[in-house]
Each structure stands twice: as structure tokens, then as C-alpha cells.
Amino acid sequence: MADDPDPSDHFPAGLLYVPVRSGPSGCAARLFRIPYGDRTAVGFTSARRLTATLGPDQAWIRLAEPALRALTAPLGITTVTVDPQFSAPAPAPVEPATPVPALRIA
């Protein structure tokens, strides 16, 4: 159907620059949320586009779009967003909590 906003036939986007983060087992694809809250995998068609959106310090790997889908499908993520132009800034680091002395009840 031509006016279907989410066609069931996804056309491969080709080789993508996929943002990753370091983890205990190596690197893992970063996952994002669309404005409605659903999770999505993200890929960029060039390193320049990735850097323009996520900054120069963002690590990335090259993955084919079908491989990115296969990687995220077990997590229930069925959407791949290609070349998003906006990303909310990362949250600021949280200061460590200061322990509160125990109260004595008489």
C-alpha cells in the first residue's frame, strides 16, 4: 500500500556507521528512543553525519543495515532510524551520594 507509513518491506540502507558504547564484553550498539518513547537502532550513511549529530567523540562501527536489524531484533527493536538529524544531549554525570549517618531512636 503506497500510503502505509510503516511498510512491512524494509529496503536495505546499505553499510551504515552505527554508534556504539564500550561495555564489559566489548562494544555494543547504542540504542535511542523516538519522541513517542519506542526504542530504535540508529545508523548513519556517513561518518560526517554521525559526527554532526552525536559529536566527534562518538565511537562507531560499520554494519550493514540487515545486520543491525538482526542484532537488535532479539531485544524487540524492529525500527532502524537512518540519518537522524537531532539527538538530545547526554545526561550530566550524577554526583555520588553522600552517606547519611544513621539516626538513633531513644
C-alpha atoms as a PDB file:
ATOM      1  CA  MET A   1       0.000   0.000   0.000  1.00  0.00           C
ATOM      2  CA  ALA A   2       1.563   3.314  -1.104  1.00  0.00           C
ATOM      3  CA  ASP A   3       0.373   5.427   1.833  1.00  0.00           C
ATOM      4  CA  ASP A   4       1.395   2.924   4.542  1.00  0.00           C
ATOM      5  CA  PRO A   5       3.624   4.895   6.979  1.00  0.00           C
ATOM      6  CA  ASP A   6       5.477   1.753   8.088  1.00  0.00           C
ATOM      7  CA  PRO A   7       5.631  -0.662   5.178  1.00  0.00           C
ATOM      8  CA  SER A   8       6.385  -4.259   6.046  1.00  0.00           C
ATOM      9  CA  ASP A   9       9.016  -4.444   3.295  1.00  0.00           C
ATOM     10  CA  HIS A  10      12.071  -2.606   4.587  1.00  0.00           C
ATOM     11  CA  PHE A  11      14.555  -1.577   1.936  1.00  0.00           C
ATOM     12  CA  PRO A  12      18.181  -2.116   2.968  1.00  0.00           C
ATOM     13  CA  ALA A  13      20.058   1.094   3.683  1.00  0.00           C
ATOM     14  CA  GLY A  14      23.433  -0.492   2.919  1.00  0.00           C
ATOM     15  CA  LEU A  15      26.547  -0.149   5.044  1.00  0.00           C
ATOM     16  CA  LEU A  16      25.972   2.196   7.988  1.00  0.00           C
ATOM     17  CA  TYR A  17      28.041   3.978  10.616  1.00  0.00           C
ATOM     18  CA  VAL A  18      26.485   2.685  13.849  1.00  0.00           C
ATOM     19  CA  PRO A  19      27.143   4.490  17.146  1.00  0.00           C
ATOM     20  CA  VAL A  20      28.493   2.196  19.856  1.00  0.00           C
ATOM     21  CA  ARG A  21      29.405   2.373  23.520  1.00  0.00           C
ATOM     22  CA  SER A  22      32.010   0.402  25.456  1.00  0.00           C
ATOM     23  CA  GLY A  23      30.773  -2.454  27.567  1.00  0.00           C
ATOM     24  CA  PRO A  24      32.178  -5.324  29.606  1.00  0.00           C
ATOM     25  CA  SER A  25      32.132  -7.628  26.570  1.00  0.00           C
ATOM     26  CA  GLY A  26      33.450  -5.120  24.021  1.00  0.00           C
ATOM     27  CA  CYS A  27      31.313  -2.605  22.180  1.00  0.00           C
ATOM     28  CA  ALA A  28      27.532  -2.539  21.969  1.00  0.00           C
ATOM     29  CA  ALA A  29      25.269  -0.636  19.607  1.00  0.00           C
ATOM     30  CA  ARG A  30      23.771   2.453  21.212  1.00  0.00           C
ATOM     31  CA  LEU A  31      20.009   2.404  21.204  1.00  0.00           C
ATOM     32  CA  PHE A  32      17.866   5.520  21.109  1.00  0.00           C
ATOM     33  CA  ARG A  33      14.231   6.441  21.649  1.00  0.00           C
ATOM     34  CA  ILE A  34      11.929   8.121  19.187  1.00  0.00           C
ATOM     35  CA  PRO A  35       9.770  11.004  20.504  1.00  0.00           C
ATOM     36  CA  TYR A  36       6.927   8.579  21.322  1.00  0.00           C
ATOM     37  CA  GLY A  37       9.231   6.513  23.540  1.00  0.00           C
ATOM     38  CA  ASP A  38       9.790   3.419  21.383  1.00  0.00           C
ATOM     39  CA  ARG A  39      13.384   2.225  21.090  1.00  0.00           C
ATOM     40  CA  THR A  40      15.189   2.339  17.757  1.00  0.00           C
ATOM     41  CA  ALA A  41      18.560   1.347  16.380  1.00  0.00           C
ATOM     42  CA  VAL A  42      20.354   4.185  14.607  1.00  0.00           C
ATOM     43  CA  GLY A  43      22.732   4.225  11.665  1.00  0.00           C
ATOM     44  CA  PHE A  44      24.284   6.988   9.599  1.00  0.00           C
ATOM     45  CA  THR A  45      25.222   6.938   5.920  1.00  0.00           C
ATOM     46  CA  SER A  46      28.492   8.788   6.599  1.00  0.00           C
ATOM     47  CA  ALA A  47      30.892   9.431   9.461  1.00  0.00           C
ATOM     48  CA  ARG A  48      30.338  13.158   8.854  1.00  0.00           C
ATOM     49  CA  ARG A  49      26.604  12.839   9.527  1.00  0.00           C
ATOM     50  CA  LEU A  50      27.217  10.782  12.665  1.00  0.00           C
ATOM     51  CA  THR A  51      29.700  13.363  13.974  1.00  0.00           C
ATOM     52  CA  ALA A  52      27.388  16.278  13.156  1.00  0.00           C
ATOM     53  CA  THR A  53      24.601  14.688  15.209  1.00  0.00           C
ATOM     54  CA  LEU A  54      26.399  12.909  18.066  1.00  0.00           C
ATOM     55  CA  GLY A  55      29.720  14.762  18.274  1.00  0.00           C
ATOM     56  CA  PRO A  56      33.320  13.951  17.369  1.00  0.00           C
ATOM     57  CA  ASP A  57      33.926  11.689  20.385  1.00  0.00           C
ATOM     58  CA  GLN A  58      31.184   9.195  19.485  1.00  0.00           C
ATOM     59  CA  ALA A  59      32.655   5.761  18.727  1.00  0.00           C
ATOM     60  CA  TRP A  60      31.163   3.852  15.793  1.00  0.00           C
ATOM     61  CA  ILE A  61      31.415   0.641  13.789  1.00  0.00           C
ATOM     62  CA  ARG A  62      30.367  -0.213  10.251  1.00  0.00           C
ATOM     63  CA  LEU A  63      27.409  -2.586   9.953  1.00  0.00           C
ATOM     64  CA  ALA A  64      25.107  -3.458   7.093  1.00  0.00           C
ATOM     65  CA  GLU A  65      21.508  -2.443   7.791  1.00  0.00           C
ATOM     66  CA  PRO A  66      20.263  -6.086   7.808  1.00  0.00           C
ATOM     67  CA  ALA A  67      22.995  -6.967  10.351  1.00  0.00           C
ATOM     68  CA  LEU A  68      21.908  -4.065  12.593  1.00  0.00           C
ATOM     69  CA  ARG A  69      18.309  -5.296  12.404  1.00  0.00           C
ATOM     70  CA  ALA A  70      19.398  -8.853  13.262  1.00  0.00           C
ATOM     71  CA  LEU A  71      21.459  -7.555  16.189  1.00  0.00           C
ATOM     72  CA  THR A  72      18.579  -5.599  17.726  1.00  0.00           C
ATOM     73  CA  ALA A  73      15.639  -7.898  16.876  1.00  0.00           C
ATOM     74  CA  PRO A  74      16.149 -10.152  19.950  1.00  0.00           C
ATOM     75  CA  LEU A  75      15.698  -7.010  22.072  1.00  0.00           C
ATOM     76  CA  GLY A  76      12.307  -6.367  20.469  1.00  0.00           C
ATOM     77  CA  ILE A  77      13.607  -3.444  18.419  1.00  0.00           C
ATOM     78  CA  THR A  78      12.160  -3.522  14.923  1.00  0.00           C
ATOM     79  CA  THR A  79      12.945   0.026  13.812  1.00  0.00           C
ATOM     80  CA  VAL A  80      16.186   1.331  12.321  1.00  0.00           C
ATOM     81  CA  THR A  81      16.417   5.099  12.004  1.00  0.00           C
ATOM     82  CA  VAL A  82      18.832   6.239   9.296  1.00  0.00           C
ATOM     83  CA  ASP A  83      20.483   9.668   9.442  1.00  0.00           C
ATOM     84  CA  PRO A  84      18.550  11.274  12.307  1.00  0.00           C
ATOM     85  CA  GLN A  85      19.389  14.966  12.475  1.00  0.00           C
ATOM     86  CA  PHE A  86      18.646  15.585  16.129  1.00  0.00           C
ATOM     87  CA  SER A  87      19.745  13.956  19.337  1.00  0.00           C
ATOM     88  CA  ALA A  88      19.110  15.112  22.882  1.00  0.00           C
ATOM     89  CA  PRO A  89      22.300  15.751  24.845  1.00  0.00           C
ATOM     90  CA  ALA A  90      23.561  13.026  27.120  1.00  0.00           C
ATOM     91  CA  PRO A  91      22.561  13.446  30.750  1.00  0.00           C
ATOM     92  CA  ALA A  92      25.110  15.118  33.005  1.00  0.00           C
ATOM     93  CA  PRO A  93      27.052  12.819  35.329  1.00  0.00           C
ATOM     94  CA  VAL A  94      25.431  12.375  38.708  1.00  0.00           C
ATOM     95  CA  GLU A  95      27.459  13.215  41.801  1.00  0.00           C
ATOM     96  CA  PRO A  96      27.995  10.256  44.146  1.00  0.00           C
ATOM     97  CA  ALA A  97      25.564  10.152  47.052  1.00  0.00           C
ATOM     98  CA  THR A  98      26.857  11.178  50.446  1.00  0.00           C
ATOM     99  CA  PRO A  99      26.012   8.643  53.161  1.00  0.00           C
ATOM    100  CA  VAL A 100      23.678   9.931  55.832  1.00  0.00           C
ATOM    101  CA  PRO A 101      24.542   8.959  59.418  1.00  0.00           C
ATOM    102  CA  ALA A 102      22.109   6.518  60.991  1.00  0.00           C
ATOM    103  CA  LEU A 103      19.573   8.026  63.357  1.00  0.00           C
ATOM    104  CA  ARG A 104      19.281   6.652  66.876  1.00  0.00           C
ATOM    105  CA  ILE A 105      15.809   6.405  68.283  1.00  0.00           C
ATOM    106  CA  ALA A 106      15.696   6.584  72.058  1.00  0.00           C
END
